[in-house]
Protein backbone atom coordinates (compact mmCIF):
# COMPACT_ATOMS: atom_id res chain seq x y z
CA UNK A 1 -38.49 64.55 13.14
CA UNK A 2 -36.16 61.81 14.77
CA UNK A 3 -34.77 61.02 11.78
CA UNK A 4 -33.52 64.18 11.09
CA UNK A 5 -32.46 64.35 14.77
CA UNK A 6 -30.14 60.94 14.09
CA UNK A 7 -28.74 61.99 11.00
CA UNK A 8 -27.28 65.40 12.76
CA UNK A 9 -26.03 63.32 15.16
CA UNK A 10 -24.25 60.76 12.80
CA UNK A 11 -23.31 63.85 11.18
CA UNK A 12 -21.54 65.32 14.38
CA UNK A 13 -19.60 61.97 14.78
CA UNK A 14 -18.40 61.72 11.04
CA UNK A 15 -17.38 65.62 11.43
CA UNK A 16 -15.44 64.72 14.32
CA UNK A 17 -13.87 62.01 13.07
CA UNK A 18 -13.08 63.34 9.24
CA UNK A 19 -11.19 66.11 11.62
CA UNK A 20 -9.13 63.61 13.42
CA UNK A 21 -7.86 61.59 10.22
CA UNK A 22 -7.20 65.11 8.92
CA UNK A 23 -4.92 66.01 11.53
CA UNK A 24 -2.66 63.04 11.58
CA UNK A 25 -2.31 63.21 8.00
CA UNK A 26 -0.64 66.29 8.35
CA UNK A 27 1.82 65.04 10.80
CA UNK A 28 4.89 63.94 8.97
CA UNK A 29 5.60 60.04 8.16
CA UNK A 30 6.37 57.59 10.42
CA UNK A 31 5.33 53.61 11.28
CA UNK A 32 3.68 55.46 14.28
CA UNK A 33 1.90 57.85 12.14
CA UNK A 34 1.10 55.00 9.54
CA UNK A 35 -0.79 53.21 11.96
CA UNK A 36 -2.69 55.86 13.83
CA UNK A 37 -3.57 57.38 10.30
CA UNK A 38 -5.36 53.62 9.40
CA UNK A 39 -6.75 53.25 13.11
CA UNK A 40 -8.33 56.68 12.34
CA UNK A 41 -9.21 55.80 8.86
CA UNK A 42 -10.92 52.61 10.56
CA UNK A 43 -13.43 54.51 12.58
CA UNK A 44 -13.57 57.41 10.01
CA UNK A 45 -14.82 55.21 7.53
CA UNK A 46 -17.76 53.65 9.90
CA UNK A 47 -19.11 56.98 10.26
CA UNK A 48 -19.25 57.94 7.30
CA UNK A 49 -21.00 54.93 5.89
CA UNK A 50 -23.20 54.90 8.83
CA UNK A 51 -24.16 58.29 8.09
CA UNK A 52 -24.98 57.42 4.38
CA UNK A 53 -26.86 54.74 5.32
CA UNK A 54 -29.19 57.34 8.09
CA UNK A 55 -29.62 59.73 5.35
CA UNK A 56 -30.83 56.86 2.80
CA UNK A 57 -33.20 55.55 5.23
CA UNK A 58 -34.52 59.25 5.94
CA UNK A 59 -34.30 61.18 2.48
CA UNK A 60 -35.13 57.95 0.22
CA UNK A 61 -36.82 55.15 2.38
CA UNK A 62 -34.41 52.96 1.38
CA UNK A 63 -32.29 50.47 3.26
CA UNK A 64 -28.67 49.33 2.86
CA UNK A 65 -27.10 47.39 5.48
CA UNK A 66 -23.82 47.18 4.45
CA UNK A 67 -21.26 49.60 3.48
CA UNK A 68 -21.24 48.27 -0.03
CA UNK A 69 -25.03 48.66 -1.04
CA UNK A 70 -24.78 51.87 0.85
CA UNK A 71 -22.29 53.25 -1.59
CA UNK A 72 -24.02 52.12 -4.56
CA UNK A 73 -26.86 53.61 -3.19
CA UNK A 74 -25.02 56.97 -2.52
CA UNK A 75 -23.90 56.68 -6.19
CA UNK A 76 -27.58 55.94 -7.59
CA UNK A 77 -28.86 59.08 -5.42
CA UNK A 78 -26.03 61.17 -7.33
CA UNK A 79 -24.20 61.71 -3.85
CA UNK A 80 -20.99 60.37 -5.75
CA UNK A 81 -20.07 59.75 -9.22
CA UNK A 82 -19.08 56.54 -10.89
CA UNK A 83 -15.62 56.63 -10.17
CA UNK A 84 -15.92 57.79 -6.98
CA UNK A 85 -18.57 54.48 -6.42
CA UNK A 86 -15.36 52.28 -7.76
CA UNK A 87 -13.36 53.98 -5.04
CA UNK A 88 -15.69 53.93 -2.67
CA UNK A 89 -15.89 49.77 -3.01
CA UNK A 90 -12.28 49.93 -3.35
CA UNK A 91 -12.32 51.94 -0.13
CA UNK A 92 -14.51 48.88 1.60
CA UNK A 93 -12.07 46.30 0.72
CA UNK A 94 -8.97 48.51 2.32
CA UNK A 95 -11.34 48.48 5.23
CA UNK A 96 -11.87 45.02 5.75
CA UNK A 97 -8.16 44.68 5.51
CA UNK A 98 -7.02 47.06 8.04
CA UNK A 99 -7.16 43.91 10.37
CA UNK A 100 -3.81 42.97 8.44
CA UNK A 101 -2.14 45.41 9.10
CA UNK A 102 0.48 43.52 10.96
CA UNK A 103 1.84 42.62 7.42
CA UNK A 104 4.06 45.64 6.49
CA UNK A 105 2.77 45.92 2.91
CA UNK A 106 -0.62 45.84 3.50
CA UNK A 107 -0.30 48.55 5.91
CA UNK A 108 1.76 50.92 3.54
CA UNK A 109 -0.74 50.22 0.49
CA UNK A 110 -3.74 51.40 2.77
CA UNK A 111 -1.78 54.50 3.65
CA UNK A 112 -1.08 55.55 0.35
CA UNK A 113 -4.49 55.43 -0.17
CA UNK A 114 -5.63 57.82 3.08
CA UNK A 115 -5.43 61.06 1.43
CA UNK A 116 -7.80 60.22 -1.88
CA UNK A 117 -10.08 58.21 0.93
CA UNK A 118 -10.37 61.44 2.98
CA UNK A 119 -11.20 63.53 -0.23
CA UNK A 120 -13.75 61.17 -0.83
CA UNK A 121 -15.53 60.68 2.76
CA UNK A 122 -14.99 64.45 3.23
CA UNK A 123 -17.24 65.16 -0.29
CA UNK A 124 -19.92 62.79 1.11
CA UNK A 125 -20.34 64.31 3.78
CA UNK A 126 -20.14 67.67 2.64
CA UNK A 127 -22.88 66.42 -0.12
CA UNK A 128 -25.37 65.14 2.83
CA UNK A 129 -24.70 68.12 5.12
CA UNK A 130 -25.81 70.28 2.17
CA UNK A 131 -28.72 68.08 1.18
CA UNK A 132 -30.46 67.80 4.34
CA UNK A 133 -29.98 71.58 5.20
CA UNK A 134 -27.41 70.74 8.12
CA UNK A 135 -25.01 73.63 7.07
């Protein structure tokens, strides 16, 4: 029961984070919007991979302690397909690069990927919610 509660709490955080990321992506481009969107991507990414981690532990007994290991396990559990698993690994690399967004070219490259990353994270969230019976 406690694990289900943990999934519910992590799902709430992920849903809020996804909402804020979508909200900023709807804004017209500016450097300030780009930087805010990258910041929101960072915490949305954290919320999603931690939701996956909790889901895999509760539903499958799988322990994963890093984003990449969680995305690999999500693929094995059919939460995402092979192409999406590759995108998730690239997304993890981009998340790790956000500490270098003071380089304009890095910031621009990450920003260009955010719509696709949002779509992937939203799909993962939706699949977990549906599979967990939380919808």
